[in-house]
Each structure stands twice: as structure tokens, then as C-alpha cells.
């Protein structure tokens, strides 16, 4: 485990990222955390906002009791606020919210109310600052992700293939397209740091084919590299078969089944990583408690397939897998976006 200590360089780093979010002197800025939040990041957020001259206050809530049959990791759907009206009013009335919850507010039920008030929300992923330091965002990240989002909005289909046997067809016409680059300047919006990801939430019945996890691909719900092939059959959005005799396959079968919820097997979102500084192999360098896996979602050229909640398709569940694939080829209509795991120069 890395040392949990305040470092001056990290205060500087947080201040630089918050400045990209247009935090200015006198702005009312909230830091949202829970009792299980990473205390170091909460402290860094406070000191950085103070350095920028903001008027800082904390909203701290107890981490709620577990309600799921299995551990939940990296869902982007924090349940910490529990609809608490006074806390929501304070957050919605802020100019800027540094979200230091464990799971993040991205898919939280309370997020629309907070954004409606005009707050800019930045989810600081539950990573050690050493990870955040390597992945400080830039304006170039924003330009590239925005270009990727334009390509995705223009396309009707996404096709994904790999040497391992992936053959996936996705209808993305009508999908909700999103992207994150590590900061947000616009009132009423949310981003997360680290960033560098372009994705969409397909409409119901849009995904069919075979998805093959090969050695070196990642299962980020388990914070684990896949060591043996796992073949997923996907029919009308749902994983209907999980083939493989390995521990990797058995873990996935058991975790899916533990929810007792068909919607846990359905597609949530699909997309690709665009961050050239993010590394697929960095997971081996950290203890699991030091990372949240956001870097591995964003590394350039990965194909990201996620299962679970998808509001566009009218599906809701806490079951969730984030699965970044290496060595895939991703095409939007006939335009190649990723070839054999290498992001193409298709975003001019």
C-alpha cells in the first residue's frame, strides 16, 4: 500500500484541475464525501479549493448499510446521499462540487437534482493521488474526446472484432453518447478524473454477437486481469451464455447469478479509451485498495463493454461489470476507430 500522506505537489495538482473547472475566488464550493471516502483526497480537495480562494464547505454523510447480496465496486452510482433533502439543497446551490464519494455520482439517483441547480460536479475517482497525478487532464484530452463523440453521434452501427473471437454488432443510432476528459467547465454537468473515454448507452435490443475475454483483458469489478478465455454469448443485449472452464469464467458466472436479476446480464454502455497516458498494465503496480480502475477504462485503444443499468433502454440494476478489451478492432459504420487495440487518427 502506498503512503497516505499530504504532499504539496498533490495540492498543486488538485488546484490545477479545479482551475480547469473554472473555480474562481469567492465561489461556493462543496466537497461531498462519506465515512468510507479516501480521506487523503478529501483533504487535498479542501486545501486546493482554499488555495484558489473558494468558499469551501463539506457535506459528509455516513456510508449506508450494504443492501446487495455481493460486494459492489465501481458502479458510478453512489447510494451515499439516500435522498437527503438538506444535503441535496446544499450541493445544488453550489457553484462546484468535488465528489469524493466511493462510487461516484455519475449514475446516482440524486444527480439530476444537483445538476439542475447549475453545479459543476467533478467526481474524483477513488484512486491514490499517485494515479491521479499521472493522469492530470489537458485541453488536448477534451478536443480528442469531443471529436470521438461527434464520430459516434454520426454513426448508425458499431462493429467489434478481435483475434480471440469477438464478433459483436451494436446498433448505436439513437444511443445516448457521452464522453469524459477529466474536468468540466459548463454549469449543470459532471465529469470524472481520470478521464479520456468516449461511450454510448444503446437503446433496447441493440447488441448481438460473441464477446471473448482473452488473457490480458480486464475485469474491473474484480480488479483482475483475465488469465484464461471466457466466451460471452449476447442476444438482444443480454448475456445468455458464459462459456469457459477457468476460474475467470466461474467467478463471472457466480457474480452474475448472485444478483438474481436478469437486468444484471444486459448491456449498460460501450465505447473506447482515448487517454494515451493511461496504461492497461498499471494495475499490477498497485494494491487493490489504492486503485479504482478508472485508468484501465480509459487507456487508448481499449474497447470497453459494460453490463448493468442503462436508463436509455429502461433498465435498472446494481449488478455491474466493466470489461476493457485489448487487441480489438472497432468500426463505426465503415470507419475504423480502433485497429487491433491501436487508436486510429480518425478524430480530425
Protein backbone atom coordinates (compact mmCIF):
# COMPACT_ATOMS: atom_id res chain seq x y z
CA UNK A 1 0.00 0.00 0.00
CA UNK A 2 1.25 3.49 -0.81
CA UNK A 3 1.65 6.04 1.98
CA UNK A 4 -1.44 8.14 2.72
CA UNK A 5 0.29 11.49 3.25
CA UNK A 6 -0.39 15.06 2.15
CA UNK A 7 2.11 16.20 -0.46
CA UNK A 8 2.48 19.78 -1.66
CA UNK A 9 2.65 18.61 -5.26
CA UNK A 10 -0.77 16.99 -4.92
CA UNK A 11 -2.33 20.16 -3.53
CA UNK A 12 -0.91 21.94 -6.60
CA UNK A 13 -2.31 19.19 -8.83
CA UNK A 14 -5.83 19.35 -7.40
CA UNK A 15 -5.79 23.15 -7.65
CA UNK A 16 -4.77 22.95 -11.32
CA UNK A 17 -7.60 20.54 -12.14
CA UNK A 18 -10.17 22.59 -10.22
CA UNK A 19 -8.97 25.70 -12.05
CA UNK A 20 -9.78 23.87 -15.30
CA UNK A 21 -13.29 23.57 -13.89
CA UNK A 22 -13.36 27.39 -13.71
CA UNK A 23 -13.36 27.54 -9.91
CA UNK A 24 -12.79 31.20 -9.03
CA UNK A 25 -12.22 33.33 -5.95
CA UNK A 26 -15.34 33.56 -3.82
CA UNK A 27 -17.15 30.61 -5.44
CA UNK A 28 -19.21 28.50 -3.04
CA UNK A 29 -17.70 25.02 -3.44
CA UNK A 30 -18.87 21.82 -1.76
CA UNK A 31 -16.82 18.74 -1.03
CA UNK A 32 -19.09 15.69 -0.90
CA UNK A 33 -17.74 12.70 0.97
CA UNK A 34 -18.89 9.75 3.04
CA UNK A 35 -17.47 7.97 6.05
CA UNK A 36 -15.64 5.43 3.85
CA UNK A 37 -14.20 8.02 1.44
CA UNK A 38 -10.45 8.22 0.87
CA UNK A 39 -9.56 10.83 3.50
CA UNK A 40 -6.41 11.94 1.67
CA UNK A 41 -8.37 13.01 -1.41
CA UNK A 42 -10.93 14.85 0.72
CA UNK A 43 -8.13 16.79 2.42
CA UNK A 44 -6.43 17.57 -0.88
CA UNK A 45 -9.69 18.86 -2.34
CA UNK A 46 -10.20 21.20 0.62
CA UNK A 47 -6.68 22.61 0.55
CA UNK A 48 -6.74 23.05 -3.23
CA UNK A 49 -10.05 24.92 -3.20
CA UNK A 50 -8.77 27.09 -0.35
CA UNK A 51 -5.69 27.88 -2.45
CA UNK A 52 -7.95 29.05 -5.29
CA UNK A 53 -9.79 31.39 -2.92
CA UNK A 54 -13.07 29.49 -3.00
CA UNK A 55 -15.54 29.47 -0.11
CA UNK A 56 -15.35 25.80 0.85
CA UNK A 57 -17.72 23.66 2.87
CA UNK A 58 -18.15 19.92 3.45
CA UNK A 59 -21.16 17.68 3.03
CA UNK A 60 -20.30 14.45 4.85
CA UNK A 61 -22.72 11.53 5.16
CA UNK A 62 -22.37 8.07 6.66
CA UNK A 63 -21.69 5.28 4.19
CA UNK A 64 -25.04 3.42 4.06
CA UNK A 65 -25.58 -0.15 5.12
CA UNK A 66 -25.00 -2.73 2.41
CA UNK A 67 -28.12 -3.97 0.67
CA UNK A 68 -26.71 -6.12 -2.14
CA UNK A 69 -26.01 -9.88 -1.97
CA UNK A 70 -22.40 -9.37 -3.15
CA UNK A 71 -19.77 -6.63 -2.85
CA UNK A 72 -20.39 -3.68 -5.17
CA UNK A 73 -17.45 -2.00 -6.86
CA UNK A 74 -17.03 0.90 -9.30
CA UNK A 75 -20.65 1.36 -10.34
CA UNK A 76 -20.67 5.15 -10.60
CA UNK A 77 -23.97 5.03 -8.72
CA UNK A 78 -23.25 6.12 -5.17
CA UNK A 79 -26.07 5.49 -2.71
CA UNK A 80 -24.48 7.67 -0.03
CA UNK A 81 -26.93 10.59 -0.24
CA UNK A 82 -30.06 8.46 0.30
CA UNK A 83 -32.23 11.32 -0.99
CA UNK A 84 -31.32 13.52 1.99
CA UNK A 85 -33.01 16.81 1.08
CA UNK A 86 -30.85 19.28 3.08
CA UNK A 87 -27.66 17.79 1.65
CA UNK A 88 -29.08 17.89 -1.88
CA UNK A 89 -30.08 21.53 -1.48
CA UNK A 90 -26.57 22.44 -0.34
CA UNK A 91 -24.98 20.64 -3.29
CA UNK A 92 -27.43 22.02 -5.87
CA UNK A 93 -26.79 25.52 -4.57
CA UNK A 94 -23.04 25.25 -5.04
CA UNK A 95 -21.01 26.54 -7.95
CA UNK A 96 -18.75 23.48 -7.88
CA UNK A 97 -18.91 20.07 -6.19
CA UNK A 98 -15.83 17.93 -5.62
CA UNK A 99 -17.38 14.47 -5.48
CA UNK A 100 -15.24 12.28 -3.23
CA UNK A 101 -17.81 9.53 -2.66
CA UNK A 102 -16.57 5.97 -3.02
CA UNK A 103 -18.64 5.02 -6.07
CA UNK A 104 -19.28 8.47 -7.54
CA UNK A 105 -22.46 10.32 -8.51
CA UNK A 106 -22.39 9.58 -12.27
CA UNK A 107 -25.43 7.31 -12.19
CA UNK A 108 -26.77 8.26 -8.77
CA UNK A 109 -30.49 8.92 -8.49
CA UNK A 110 -29.84 12.35 -6.95
CA UNK A 111 -27.53 13.66 -9.68
CA UNK A 112 -30.21 15.34 -11.88
CA UNK A 113 -31.41 17.41 -8.93
CA UNK A 114 -27.87 18.54 -8.15
CA UNK A 115 -27.10 19.43 -11.78
CA UNK A 116 -30.43 21.22 -12.19
CA UNK A 117 -29.19 23.77 -9.67
CA UNK A 118 -26.31 24.59 -12.01
CA UNK A 119 -23.48 22.96 -10.08
CA UNK A 120 -20.43 21.70 -11.91
CA UNK A 121 -19.58 18.26 -10.49
CA UNK A 122 -16.20 16.57 -10.73
CA UNK A 123 -16.01 13.00 -9.46
CA UNK A 124 -12.51 12.40 -8.15
CA UNK A 125 -12.18 8.69 -8.75
CA UNK A 126 -11.37 6.69 -5.64
CA UNK A 127 -7.70 6.36 -6.58
CA UNK A 128 -4.50 7.08 -4.73
CA UNK A 129 -3.24 10.57 -5.78
CA UNK A 130 -0.25 8.86 -7.39
CA UNK A 131 -2.65 7.63 -10.10
CA UNK A 132 -4.37 10.99 -10.44
CA UNK A 133 -1.01 12.72 -10.76
CA UNK A 134 -0.01 10.67 -13.81
CA UNK A 135 -3.38 11.32 -15.43
CA UNK A 136 -3.84 15.05 -14.98
CA UNK A 137 -6.22 16.22 -17.73
CA UNK A 138 -5.41 18.62 -20.57
CA UNK A 139 -7.29 20.64 -23.17
CA UNK A 140 -5.98 18.19 -25.80
CA UNK A 141 -7.86 15.40 -23.99
CA UNK A 142 -11.08 17.39 -24.30
CA UNK A 143 -10.60 18.06 -28.02
CA UNK A 144 -9.94 14.40 -28.78
CA UNK A 145 -12.88 13.07 -26.75
CA UNK A 146 -15.24 15.62 -28.27
CA UNK A 147 -14.13 14.52 -31.73
CA UNK A 148 -14.78 10.89 -30.79
CA UNK A 149 -18.25 11.79 -29.55
CA UNK A 150 -19.02 13.50 -32.86
CA UNK A 151 -18.00 10.38 -34.77
CA UNK A 152 -20.21 8.25 -32.54
CA UNK A 153 -23.22 10.53 -32.98
CA UNK A 154 -22.82 10.42 -36.76
CA UNK A 155 -22.74 6.61 -36.94
CA UNK A 156 -25.55 4.07 -37.03
CA UNK A 157 -23.61 0.91 -36.17
CA UNK A 158 -20.57 -0.21 -34.21
CA UNK A 159 -18.83 -3.48 -35.08
CA UNK A 160 -16.20 -5.02 -32.83
CA UNK A 161 -13.90 -7.93 -33.71
CA UNK A 162 -10.78 -9.47 -32.20
CA UNK A 163 -8.31 -12.30 -32.91
CA UNK A 164 -9.67 -14.04 -29.78
CA UNK A 165 -13.08 -14.46 -31.42
CA UNK A 166 -15.10 -11.37 -30.54
CA UNK A 167 -17.74 -10.67 -33.18
CA UNK A 168 -20.14 -8.03 -31.91
CA UNK A 169 -22.68 -5.87 -33.74
CA UNK A 170 -24.18 -2.86 -31.97
CA UNK A 171 -26.85 -0.51 -33.25
CA UNK A 172 -25.88 2.91 -31.87
CA UNK A 173 -28.38 5.04 -33.78
CA UNK A 174 -30.48 6.71 -31.08
CA UNK A 175 -27.98 5.88 -28.32
CA UNK A 176 -27.09 8.47 -25.72
CA UNK A 177 -23.49 9.49 -26.37
CA UNK A 178 -21.16 10.69 -23.66
CA UNK A 179 -17.52 11.39 -23.01
CA UNK A 180 -15.26 12.48 -20.17
CA UNK A 181 -11.91 14.24 -20.31
CA UNK A 182 -11.18 14.85 -16.62
CA UNK A 183 -12.76 18.25 -15.92
CA UNK A 184 -15.92 20.23 -16.62
CA UNK A 185 -16.41 23.95 -17.25
CA UNK A 186 -20.14 24.04 -18.01
CA UNK A 187 -22.73 24.59 -15.24
CA UNK A 188 -25.05 21.63 -14.74
CA UNK A 189 -22.57 18.99 -15.95
CA UNK A 190 -20.47 16.19 -14.46
CA UNK A 191 -17.11 14.73 -15.41
CA UNK A 192 -14.67 12.42 -13.71
CA UNK A 193 -10.92 12.44 -13.19
CA UNK A 194 -9.09 10.48 -14.61
CA UNK A 195 -10.80 10.97 -17.97
CA UNK A 196 -10.26 10.09 -21.60
CA UNK A 197 -13.24 7.92 -22.53
CA UNK A 198 -15.88 8.00 -25.28
CA UNK A 199 -19.01 5.85 -24.85
CA UNK A 200 -22.71 5.45 -25.53
CA UNK A 201 -25.75 3.81 -23.94
CA UNK A 202 -27.54 1.84 -26.69
CA UNK A 203 -31.30 1.60 -26.98
CA UNK A 204 -33.04 -1.68 -26.11
CA UNK A 205 -32.35 -4.70 -28.31
CA UNK A 206 -29.25 -3.19 -29.95
CA UNK A 207 -26.42 -5.63 -29.14
CA UNK A 208 -25.83 -9.12 -30.54
CA UNK A 209 -22.87 -11.42 -31.01
CA UNK A 210 -19.98 -13.01 -29.18
CA UNK A 211 -17.60 -11.31 -26.78
CA UNK A 212 -14.39 -13.15 -25.87
CA UNK A 213 -12.27 -12.14 -22.91
CA UNK A 214 -8.67 -13.12 -23.65
CA UNK A 215 -5.64 -13.25 -21.36
CA UNK A 216 -4.62 -9.69 -20.51
CA UNK A 217 -8.13 -8.27 -20.82
CA UNK A 218 -9.53 -6.87 -17.59
CA UNK A 219 -12.46 -7.48 -15.28
CA UNK A 220 -12.52 -4.24 -13.30
CA UNK A 221 -15.32 -5.26 -11.00
CA UNK A 222 -12.81 -7.80 -9.66
CA UNK A 223 -9.75 -5.56 -10.34
CA UNK A 224 -8.29 -8.60 -12.03
CA UNK A 225 -6.55 -9.45 -15.29
CA UNK A 226 -8.18 -12.30 -17.19
CA UNK A 227 -5.85 -15.28 -17.44
CA UNK A 228 -7.98 -17.74 -19.44
CA UNK A 229 -10.53 -17.18 -22.25
CA UNK A 230 -14.15 -16.50 -21.32
CA UNK A 231 -16.77 -16.51 -24.08
CA UNK A 232 -19.95 -14.47 -23.61
CA UNK A 233 -22.90 -15.00 -25.95
CA UNK A 234 -25.01 -11.85 -26.23
CA UNK A 235 -28.53 -11.91 -27.63
CA UNK A 236 -30.69 -8.77 -27.84
CA UNK A 237 -28.49 -7.03 -25.21
CA UNK A 238 -28.33 -9.91 -22.68
CA UNK A 239 -25.51 -12.28 -21.83
CA UNK A 240 -27.20 -15.65 -22.34
CA UNK A 241 -24.16 -17.96 -22.04
CA UNK A 242 -20.84 -17.78 -20.22
CA UNK A 243 -18.50 -20.43 -21.58
CA UNK A 244 -15.17 -21.39 -20.07
CA UNK A 245 -13.78 -23.85 -17.55
CA UNK A 246 -11.39 -21.43 -15.82
CA UNK A 247 -11.59 -19.57 -12.55
CA UNK A 248 -12.24 -16.39 -14.53
CA UNK A 249 -15.37 -17.90 -16.07
CA UNK A 250 -16.57 -19.37 -12.79
CA UNK A 251 -16.17 -16.05 -10.98
CA UNK A 252 -18.22 -14.28 -13.63
CA UNK A 253 -20.97 -16.91 -13.62
CA UNK A 254 -21.24 -16.78 -9.84
CA UNK A 255 -21.26 -12.98 -9.64
CA UNK A 256 -23.88 -12.60 -12.36
CA UNK A 257 -26.08 -15.26 -10.78
CA UNK A 258 -25.79 -13.84 -7.26
CA UNK A 259 -27.92 -10.85 -8.20
CA UNK A 260 -30.92 -12.95 -9.12
CA UNK A 261 -31.71 -10.18 -11.59
CA UNK A 262 -31.95 -10.64 -15.36
CA UNK A 263 -31.11 -6.97 -15.92
CA UNK A 264 -27.63 -7.52 -14.47
CA UNK A 265 -26.83 -9.52 -17.63
CA UNK A 266 -27.77 -6.69 -20.02
CA UNK A 267 -25.54 -4.14 -21.71
CA UNK A 268 -25.03 -0.83 -19.96
CA UNK A 269 -22.64 1.09 -22.21
CA UNK A 270 -19.99 0.53 -24.88
CA UNK A 271 -17.11 2.67 -26.06
CA UNK A 272 -13.37 3.05 -26.27
CA UNK A 273 -10.50 4.59 -24.32
CA UNK A 274 -8.65 7.65 -25.64
CA UNK A 275 -6.12 8.52 -22.95
CA UNK A 276 -2.59 7.92 -24.24
CA UNK A 277 -1.12 8.40 -20.75
CA UNK A 278 -3.31 5.72 -19.18
CA UNK A 279 -1.79 2.24 -19.05
CA UNK A 280 -3.51 -1.12 -19.17
CA UNK A 281 -0.65 -2.69 -17.21
CA UNK A 282 -0.60 -0.19 -14.32
CA UNK A 283 -2.91 -2.38 -12.23
CA UNK A 284 -0.01 -4.69 -11.39
CA UNK A 285 1.85 -1.83 -9.69
CA UNK A 286 -0.75 -1.02 -7.01
CA UNK A 287 -2.52 -2.73 -4.16
CA UNK A 288 -6.21 -3.12 -4.92
CA UNK A 289 -7.27 -0.64 -2.26
CA UNK A 290 -5.11 2.04 -3.92
CA UNK A 291 -6.97 1.97 -7.24
CA UNK A 292 -10.47 2.17 -8.65
CA UNK A 293 -9.59 1.04 -12.18
CA UNK A 294 -10.60 4.24 -13.96
CA UNK A 295 -7.21 4.35 -15.67
CA UNK A 296 -7.84 0.92 -17.19
CA UNK A 297 -11.22 2.06 -18.52
CA UNK A 298 -9.57 4.94 -20.34
CA UNK A 299 -6.33 3.59 -21.82
CA UNK A 300 -6.08 4.44 -25.51
CA UNK A 301 -7.40 1.78 -27.86
CA UNK A 302 -9.31 -0.41 -25.44
CA UNK A 303 -12.87 -1.47 -26.23
CA UNK A 304 -14.97 -1.07 -23.10
CA UNK A 305 -18.05 -3.26 -22.65
CA UNK A 306 -20.13 -2.76 -19.53
CA UNK A 307 -23.13 -4.60 -18.16
CA UNK A 308 -25.79 -3.28 -15.80
CA UNK A 309 -28.04 -0.25 -15.59
CA UNK A 310 -28.96 1.56 -18.81
CA UNK A 311 -31.55 4.32 -18.45
CA UNK A 312 -31.81 4.75 -22.23
CA UNK A 313 -33.02 1.14 -22.51
CA UNK A 314 -35.19 1.45 -19.38
CA UNK A 315 -33.12 -0.99 -17.31
CA UNK A 316 -32.09 -0.53 -13.68
CA UNK A 317 -29.88 -2.78 -11.57
CA UNK A 318 -26.92 -2.57 -9.19
CA UNK A 319 -25.18 -5.51 -10.89
CA UNK A 320 -22.30 -4.18 -12.96
CA UNK A 321 -19.23 -5.31 -14.90
CA UNK A 322 -16.69 -3.03 -16.60
CA UNK A 323 -14.67 -5.07 -19.10
CA UNK A 324 -11.86 -3.35 -21.07
CA UNK A 325 -10.66 -5.45 -24.03
CA UNK A 326 -7.27 -5.22 -25.71
CA UNK A 327 -6.47 -6.03 -29.37
CA UNK A 328 -9.97 -5.28 -30.64
CA UNK A 329 -10.90 -3.57 -33.90
CA UNK A 330 -13.79 -1.12 -33.57
CA UNK A 331 -15.62 0.28 -36.59
CA UNK A 332 -18.31 2.95 -36.72
CA UNK A 333 -20.22 2.16 -39.91
CA UNK A 334 -17.21 1.59 -42.21
CA UNK A 335 -14.80 3.93 -40.41
CA UNK A 336 -12.11 2.22 -38.32
CA UNK A 337 -11.74 3.88 -34.93
CA UNK A 338 -9.54 1.28 -33.22
CA UNK A 339 -7.48 -1.30 -35.08
CA UNK A 340 -6.03 -4.25 -33.16
CA UNK A 341 -6.09 -2.20 -29.97
CA UNK A 342 -4.50 0.91 -31.51
CA UNK A 343 -6.49 4.13 -31.56
CA UNK A 344 -6.56 5.48 -35.10
CA UNK A 345 -6.09 9.07 -36.22
CA UNK A 346 -9.78 9.43 -37.06
CA UNK A 347 -10.70 12.47 -34.97
CA UNK A 348 -9.55 15.45 -37.01
